[in-house]
Amino acid sequence: MENYSSLSDNELLSMAESGDKTAEEQLALRYARLVKICSRPFFLVGGDGEDLIQEGMLGLLSAIREFDLSMNTSFKTYAEICVKRRIYSAIKSASRKKHEPLNDMVSFDDVLSDESKSSAVSYGEAYRRTPEEQVLGREGADEIIQTYSRCLSKFEVEILNLYLGGLSYSEIAEVCGKTEKSVDNAVQRIRRKLARNLYPGDNSKGCSQ
């Protein structure tokens, strides 16, 4: 039996191109954390985390199916571009359609079996400001932390750093020696503070705590 986890990206891509669904799934799992990292800044400013991750996974699946092995770039770089592009596109679409009813959601199992269902995903009221007002131009973890650190406590900055690094609540709790509930509470406080301080560069308004 093939040990897929030991294979390189290019080997898995070549197998997936030949119709090996297990190779495709292995790549999707390998880069699932990248999708989380790309989607989390948007979640913090008002998006739905699970919805954004599903959109990111659709972008990742497209990258797997469209990547050209002759390209002079790594698959990881190409995948990150595709994932972010998919998330940006979904947020822009949601901003235009925020008054329309929610459509049916797409599960990850469906994504792996039928990408054509991706058009069913919508976010309704999840985004009340335009993408430009939310995150675009500030998606880097270091930039977000630098920009908003003055609005956060030392503990919240630590949590934000780990969260944007893609760690789960349980992993963050273990690192910080806290409970998962404490981590969740901190993330929700961070979300509220970021939502109130989308324009932290305006010193005349101060920093809302």
C-alpha atoms as a PDB file:
ATOM      1  CA  MET A   1       0.000   0.000   0.000  1.00  0.00           C
ATOM      2  CA  GLU A   2       1.300   3.455  -0.946  1.00  0.00           C
ATOM      3  CA  ASN A   3       2.461   5.628   1.975  1.00  0.00           C
ATOM      4  CA  TYR A   4       1.002   8.901   0.726  1.00  0.00           C
ATOM      5  CA  SER A   5       2.176  10.986   3.679  1.00  0.00           C
ATOM      6  CA  SER A   6       5.815  10.367   2.747  1.00  0.00           C
ATOM      7  CA  LEU A   7       5.389  11.585  -0.834  1.00  0.00           C
ATOM      8  CA  SER A   8       6.377  15.072  -2.012  1.00  0.00           C
ATOM      9  CA  ASP A   9       3.847  17.623  -3.192  1.00  0.00           C
ATOM     10  CA  ASN A  10       4.859  17.101  -6.804  1.00  0.00           C
ATOM     11  CA  GLU A  11       4.534  13.338  -6.512  1.00  0.00           C
ATOM     12  CA  LEU A  12       1.051  13.673  -5.050  1.00  0.00           C
ATOM     13  CA  LEU A  13       0.097  16.248  -7.688  1.00  0.00           C
ATOM     14  CA  SER A  14       1.214  13.929 -10.454  1.00  0.00           C
ATOM     15  CA  MET A  15      -0.822  11.076  -8.966  1.00  0.00           C
ATOM     16  CA  ALA A  16      -3.855  13.326  -8.478  1.00  0.00           C
ATOM     17  CA  GLU A  17      -3.598  14.447 -12.083  1.00  0.00           C
ATOM     18  CA  SER A  18      -3.785  10.787 -13.068  1.00  0.00           C
ATOM     19  CA  GLY A  19      -7.043  10.394 -11.168  1.00  0.00           C
ATOM     20  CA  ASP A  20      -5.808   9.253  -7.746  1.00  0.00           C
ATOM     21  CA  LYS A  21      -8.396  10.691  -5.346  1.00  0.00           C
ATOM     22  CA  THR A  22      -6.447   9.592  -2.278  1.00  0.00           C
ATOM     23  CA  ALA A  23      -3.469  11.663  -3.429  1.00  0.00           C
ATOM     24  CA  GLU A  24      -5.790  14.653  -3.884  1.00  0.00           C
ATOM     25  CA  GLU A  25      -7.229  14.188  -0.398  1.00  0.00           C
ATOM     26  CA  GLN A  26      -3.741  13.869   1.107  1.00  0.00           C
ATOM     27  CA  LEU A  27      -2.736  17.210  -0.435  1.00  0.00           C
ATOM     28  CA  ALA A  28      -5.938  18.820   0.834  1.00  0.00           C
ATOM     29  CA  LEU A  29      -5.210  17.597   4.351  1.00  0.00           C
ATOM     30  CA  ARG A  30      -1.552  18.634   4.118  1.00  0.00           C
ATOM     31  CA  TYR A  31      -2.522  22.229   3.342  1.00  0.00           C
ATOM     32  CA  ALA A  32      -5.624  22.504   5.528  1.00  0.00           C
ATOM     33  CA  ARG A  33      -3.655  24.530   8.069  1.00  0.00           C
ATOM     34  CA  LEU A  34      -2.624  26.994   5.342  1.00  0.00           C
ATOM     35  CA  VAL A  35      -6.312  27.551   4.630  1.00  0.00           C
ATOM     36  CA  LYS A  36      -6.957  28.259   8.322  1.00  0.00           C
ATOM     37  CA  ILE A  37      -4.099  30.754   8.453  1.00  0.00           C
ATOM     38  CA  CYS A  38      -5.383  32.571   5.341  1.00  0.00           C
ATOM     39  CA  SER A  39      -8.971  32.760   6.597  1.00  0.00           C
ATOM     40  CA  ARG A  40      -8.473  33.712  10.246  1.00  0.00           C
ATOM     41  CA  PRO A  41      -7.799  37.448   9.858  1.00  0.00           C
ATOM     42  CA  PHE A  42     -11.128  37.769   8.035  1.00  0.00           C
ATOM     43  CA  PHE A  43     -12.915  35.810  10.761  1.00  0.00           C
ATOM     44  CA  LEU A  44     -11.575  38.178  13.392  1.00  0.00           C
ATOM     45  CA  VAL A  45     -13.137  41.209  11.719  1.00  0.00           C
ATOM     46  CA  GLY A  46     -16.598  39.799  11.263  1.00  0.00           C
ATOM     47  CA  GLY A  47     -16.664  36.728   9.054  1.00  0.00           C
ATOM     48  CA  ASP A  48     -17.885  33.237   9.813  1.00  0.00           C
ATOM     49  CA  GLY A  49     -14.833  31.051  10.384  1.00  0.00           C
ATOM     50  CA  GLU A  50     -16.282  27.810   9.080  1.00  0.00           C
ATOM     51  CA  ASP A  51     -17.709  29.480   5.973  1.00  0.00           C
ATOM     52  CA  LEU A  52     -14.358  31.081   5.194  1.00  0.00           C
ATOM     53  CA  ILE A  53     -12.506  27.810   5.685  1.00  0.00           C
ATOM     54  CA  GLN A  54     -14.877  26.070   3.276  1.00  0.00           C
ATOM     55  CA  GLU A  55     -14.251  28.761   0.674  1.00  0.00           C
ATOM     56  CA  GLY A  56     -10.528  28.439   1.256  1.00  0.00           C
ATOM     57  CA  MET A  57     -10.720  24.672   0.800  1.00  0.00           C
ATOM     58  CA  LEU A  58     -12.448  25.232  -2.524  1.00  0.00           C
ATOM     59  CA  GLY A  59      -9.567  27.463  -3.536  1.00  0.00           C
ATOM     60  CA  LEU A  60      -7.098  24.804  -2.412  1.00  0.00           C
ATOM     61  CA  LEU A  61      -8.903  22.136  -4.409  1.00  0.00           C
ATOM     62  CA  SER A  62      -8.763  24.343  -7.497  1.00  0.00           C
ATOM     63  CA  ALA A  63      -5.038  24.785  -6.943  1.00  0.00           C
ATOM     64  CA  ILE A  64      -4.540  21.027  -6.733  1.00  0.00           C
ATOM     65  CA  ARG A  65      -6.475  20.424  -9.932  1.00  0.00           C
ATOM     66  CA  GLU A  66      -5.034  23.331 -11.911  1.00  0.00           C
ATOM     67  CA  PHE A  67      -1.368  23.415 -10.852  1.00  0.00           C
ATOM     68  CA  ASP A  68       1.067  22.930 -13.716  1.00  0.00           C
ATOM     69  CA  LEU A  69       4.066  20.869 -12.649  1.00  0.00           C
ATOM     70  CA  SER A  70       6.174  22.701 -15.216  1.00  0.00           C
ATOM     71  CA  MET A  71       5.576  26.030 -13.437  1.00  0.00           C
ATOM     72  CA  ASN A  72       8.660  27.658 -11.927  1.00  0.00           C
ATOM     73  CA  THR A  73       7.098  27.990  -8.481  1.00  0.00           C
ATOM     74  CA  SER A  74       6.263  25.795  -5.514  1.00  0.00           C
ATOM     75  CA  PHE A  75       2.814  24.349  -5.071  1.00  0.00           C
ATOM     76  CA  LYS A  76       2.579  25.979  -1.629  1.00  0.00           C
ATOM     77  CA  THR A  77       3.024  29.456  -3.124  1.00  0.00           C
ATOM     78  CA  TYR A  78       0.468  28.760  -5.848  1.00  0.00           C
ATOM     79  CA  ALA A  79      -1.991  27.255  -3.351  1.00  0.00           C
ATOM     80  CA  GLU A  80      -1.767  30.262  -1.042  1.00  0.00           C
ATOM     81  CA  ILE A  81      -2.554  32.616  -3.927  1.00  0.00           C
ATOM     82  CA  CYS A  82      -5.567  30.501  -4.972  1.00  0.00           C
ATOM     83  CA  VAL A  83      -6.883  30.213  -1.417  1.00  0.00           C
ATOM     84  CA  LYS A  84      -6.644  33.955  -0.735  1.00  0.00           C
ATOM     85  CA  ARG A  85      -8.169  34.814  -4.094  1.00  0.00           C
ATOM     86  CA  ARG A  86     -11.127  32.522  -3.369  1.00  0.00           C
ATOM     87  CA  ILE A  87     -11.659  34.046   0.075  1.00  0.00           C
ATOM     88  CA  TYR A  88     -11.396  37.627  -1.233  1.00  0.00           C
ATOM     89  CA  SER A  89     -13.873  36.826  -4.010  1.00  0.00           C
ATOM     90  CA  ALA A  90     -16.335  35.247  -1.580  1.00  0.00           C
ATOM     91  CA  ILE A  91     -16.219  38.251   0.747  1.00  0.00           C
ATOM     92  CA  LYS A  92     -16.774  40.697  -2.093  1.00  0.00           C
ATOM     93  CA  SER A  93     -19.694  38.600  -3.316  1.00  0.00           C
ATOM     94  CA  ALA A  94     -21.149  38.437   0.207  1.00  0.00           C
ATOM     95  CA  SER A  95     -20.894  42.212   0.550  1.00  0.00           C
ATOM     96  CA  ARG A  96     -22.961  42.632  -2.617  1.00  0.00           C
ATOM     97  CA  LYS A  97     -25.516  40.022  -1.615  1.00  0.00           C
ATOM     98  CA  LYS A  98     -25.717  40.562   2.137  1.00  0.00           C
ATOM     99  CA  HIS A  99     -29.451  41.170   2.013  1.00  0.00           C
ATOM    100  CA  GLU A 100     -30.205  37.948   0.158  1.00  0.00           C
ATOM    101  CA  PRO A 101     -31.286  34.754   1.996  1.00  0.00           C
ATOM    102  CA  LEU A 102     -28.585  32.300   2.968  1.00  0.00           C
ATOM    103  CA  ASN A 103     -28.011  29.476   0.498  1.00  0.00           C
ATOM    104  CA  ASP A 104     -27.205  25.862   1.312  1.00  0.00           C
ATOM    105  CA  MET A 105     -23.763  25.201   2.736  1.00  0.00           C
ATOM    106  CA  VAL A 106     -21.180  22.887   1.180  1.00  0.00           C
ATOM    107  CA  SER A 107     -19.429  20.265   3.299  1.00  0.00           C
ATOM    108  CA  PHE A 108     -15.766  19.374   2.841  1.00  0.00           C
ATOM    109  CA  ASP A 109     -16.818  15.888   1.743  1.00  0.00           C
ATOM    110  CA  ASP A 110     -18.874  17.479  -1.027  1.00  0.00           C
ATOM    111  CA  VAL A 111     -15.957  19.699  -1.960  1.00  0.00           C
ATOM    112  CA  LEU A 112     -13.711  16.705  -2.550  1.00  0.00           C
ATOM    113  CA  SER A 113     -16.324  14.931  -4.638  1.00  0.00           C
ATOM    114  CA  ASP A 114     -17.930  17.796  -6.570  1.00  0.00           C
ATOM    115  CA  GLU A 115     -16.406  21.249  -6.793  1.00  0.00           C
ATOM    116  CA  SER A 116     -19.324  22.493  -8.867  1.00  0.00           C
ATOM    117  CA  LYS A 117     -21.403  22.944  -5.718  1.00  0.00           C
ATOM    118  CA  SER A 118     -19.135  25.768  -4.543  1.00  0.00           C
ATOM    119  CA  SER A 119     -21.371  28.440  -6.014  1.00  0.00           C
ATOM    120  CA  ALA A 120     -24.003  27.626  -3.373  1.00  0.00           C
ATOM    121  CA  VAL A 121     -21.988  29.185  -0.525  1.00  0.00           C
ATOM    122  CA  SER A 122     -23.094  32.595   0.712  1.00  0.00           C
ATOM    123  CA  TYR A 123     -22.654  34.638   3.888  1.00  0.00           C
ATOM    124  CA  GLY A 124     -25.733  36.814   4.137  1.00  0.00           C
ATOM    125  CA  GLU A 125     -25.346  39.294   6.969  1.00  0.00           C
ATOM    126  CA  ALA A 126     -21.927  38.094   8.093  1.00  0.00           C
ATOM    127  CA  TYR A 127     -20.162  41.103   6.570  1.00  0.00           C
ATOM    128  CA  ARG A 128     -21.553  44.536   7.358  1.00  0.00           C
ATOM    129  CA  ARG A 129     -18.604  46.520   6.025  1.00  0.00           C
ATOM    130  CA  THR A 130     -16.836  46.336   2.695  1.00  0.00           C
ATOM    131  CA  PRO A 131     -13.804  44.059   2.433  1.00  0.00           C
ATOM    132  CA  GLU A 132     -11.587  47.119   2.046  1.00  0.00           C
ATOM    133  CA  GLU A 133     -12.788  48.407   5.412  1.00  0.00           C
ATOM    134  CA  GLN A 134     -12.245  45.068   7.039  1.00  0.00           C
ATOM    135  CA  VAL A 135      -8.971  43.454   6.154  1.00  0.00           C
ATOM    136  CA  LEU A 136      -7.631  43.884   2.631  1.00  0.00           C
ATOM    137  CA  GLY A 137      -4.084  45.144   2.895  1.00  0.00           C
ATOM    138  CA  ARG A 138      -3.791  44.005   6.526  1.00  0.00           C
ATOM    139  CA  GLU A 139      -3.955  40.207   6.193  1.00  0.00           C
ATOM    140  CA  GLY A 140      -0.372  39.514   7.348  1.00  0.00           C
ATOM    141  CA  ALA A 141      -0.215  38.179  10.906  1.00  0.00           C
ATOM    142  CA  ASP A 142       2.741  40.385  11.891  1.00  0.00           C
ATOM    143  CA  GLU A 143       1.049  43.485  10.495  1.00  0.00           C
ATOM    144  CA  ILE A 144      -2.225  42.751  12.261  1.00  0.00           C
ATOM    145  CA  ILE A 145      -0.461  42.226  15.588  1.00  0.00           C
ATOM    146  CA  GLN A 146       1.623  45.394  15.182  1.00  0.00           C
ATOM    147  CA  THR A 147      -1.417  47.447  14.165  1.00  0.00           C
ATOM    148  CA  TYR A 148      -3.772  46.321  16.908  1.00  0.00           C
ATOM    149  CA  SER A 149      -1.455  45.421  19.809  1.00  0.00           C
ATOM    150  CA  ARG A 150      -2.062  48.748  21.570  1.00  0.00           C
ATOM    151  CA  CYS A 151      -5.763  47.882  21.780  1.00  0.00           C
ATOM    152  CA  LEU A 152      -5.131  44.461  23.322  1.00  0.00           C
ATOM    153  CA  SER A 153      -3.834  43.142  26.612  1.00  0.00           C
ATOM    154  CA  LYS A 154      -0.536  41.233  26.748  1.00  0.00           C
ATOM    155  CA  PHE A 155      -2.472  37.958  27.045  1.00  0.00           C
ATOM    156  CA  GLU A 156      -4.689  38.851  24.080  1.00  0.00           C
ATOM    157  CA  VAL A 157      -1.642  39.667  21.938  1.00  0.00           C
ATOM    158  CA  GLU A 158      -0.199  36.257  22.810  1.00  0.00           C
ATOM    159  CA  ILE A 159      -3.476  34.559  21.917  1.00  0.00           C
ATOM    160  CA  LEU A 160      -3.759  36.540  18.661  1.00  0.00           C
ATOM    161  CA  ASN A 161      -0.229  35.587  17.633  1.00  0.00           C
ATOM    162  CA  LEU A 162      -0.904  31.873  18.183  1.00  0.00           C
ATOM    163  CA  TYR A 163      -4.370  32.028  16.636  1.00  0.00           C
ATOM    164  CA  LEU A 164      -3.144  33.672  13.446  1.00  0.00           C
ATOM    165  CA  GLY A 165      -0.444  31.007  13.331  1.00  0.00           C
ATOM    166  CA  GLY A 166      -3.175  28.426  12.721  1.00  0.00           C
ATOM    167  CA  LEU A 167      -3.218  26.743  16.122  1.00  0.00           C
ATOM    168  CA  SER A 168      -6.458  25.241  17.421  1.00  0.00           C
ATOM    169  CA  TYR A 169      -8.028  26.344  20.697  1.00  0.00           C
ATOM    170  CA  SER A 170      -6.729  23.208  22.422  1.00  0.00           C
ATOM    171  CA  GLU A 171      -3.189  23.803  21.118  1.00  0.00           C
ATOM    172  CA  ILE A 172      -3.270  27.445  22.220  1.00  0.00           C
ATOM    173  CA  ALA A 173      -4.576  26.425  25.646  1.00  0.00           C
ATOM    174  CA  GLU A 174      -1.717  23.962  26.062  1.00  0.00           C
ATOM    175  CA  VAL A 175       0.905  26.528  25.076  1.00  0.00           C
ATOM    176  CA  CYS A 176      -0.512  29.217  27.380  1.00  0.00           C
ATOM    177  CA  GLY A 177      -1.452  26.945  30.264  1.00  0.00           C
ATOM    178  CA  LYS A 178      -5.079  28.077  30.061  1.00  0.00           C
ATOM    179  CA  THR A 179      -8.414  26.373  29.454  1.00  0.00           C
ATOM    180  CA  GLU A 180      -9.989  26.254  26.007  1.00  0.00           C
ATOM    181  CA  LYS A 181     -12.822  28.384  27.402  1.00  0.00           C
ATOM    182  CA  SER A 182     -10.324  31.088  28.369  1.00  0.00           C
ATOM    183  CA  VAL A 183      -8.863  30.981  24.883  1.00  0.00           C
ATOM    184  CA  ASP A 184     -12.308  31.231  23.288  1.00  0.00           C
ATOM    185  CA  ASN A 185     -13.205  34.176  25.530  1.00  0.00           C
ATOM    186  CA  ALA A 186      -9.970  35.919  24.549  1.00  0.00           C
ATOM    187  CA  VAL A 187     -10.609  35.380  20.824  1.00  0.00           C
ATOM    188  CA  GLN A 188     -14.110  36.822  21.153  1.00  0.00           C
ATOM    189  CA  ARG A 189     -12.740  39.877  23.014  1.00  0.00           C
ATOM    190  CA  ILE A 190     -10.168  40.343  20.250  1.00  0.00           C
ATOM    191  CA  ARG A 191     -12.889  40.160  17.591  1.00  0.00           C
ATOM    192  CA  ARG A 192     -14.934  42.841  19.373  1.00  0.00           C
ATOM    193  CA  LYS A 193     -11.932  45.133  19.775  1.00  0.00           C
ATOM    194  CA  LEU A 194     -10.834  44.734  16.164  1.00  0.00           C
ATOM    195  CA  ALA A 195     -14.376  45.417  14.966  1.00  0.00           C
ATOM    196  CA  ARG A 196     -14.367  48.687  16.947  1.00  0.00           C
ATOM    197  CA  ASN A 197     -10.926  49.730  15.745  1.00  0.00           C
ATOM    198  CA  LEU A 198     -10.869  49.144  12.005  1.00  0.00           C
ATOM    199  CA  TYR A 199      -9.095  52.452  11.569  1.00  0.00           C
ATOM    200  CA  PRO A 200      -6.511  52.383  14.394  1.00  0.00           C
ATOM    201  CA  GLY A 201      -4.277  54.856  12.535  1.00  0.00           C
ATOM    202  CA  ASP A 202      -6.690  57.665  13.369  1.00  0.00           C
ATOM    203  CA  ASN A 203      -5.197  58.772  16.697  1.00  0.00           C
ATOM    204  CA  SER A 204      -7.815  61.460  17.128  1.00  0.00           C
ATOM    205  CA  LYS A 205     -10.369  58.811  17.981  1.00  0.00           C
ATOM    206  CA  GLY A 206      -8.155  56.929  20.397  1.00  0.00           C
ATOM    207  CA  CYS A 207      -8.236  53.180  20.785  1.00  0.00           C
ATOM    208  CA  SER A 208     -11.531  51.721  21.918  1.00  0.00           C
ATOM    209  CA  GLN A 209     -11.125  48.988  24.506  1.00  0.00           C
END
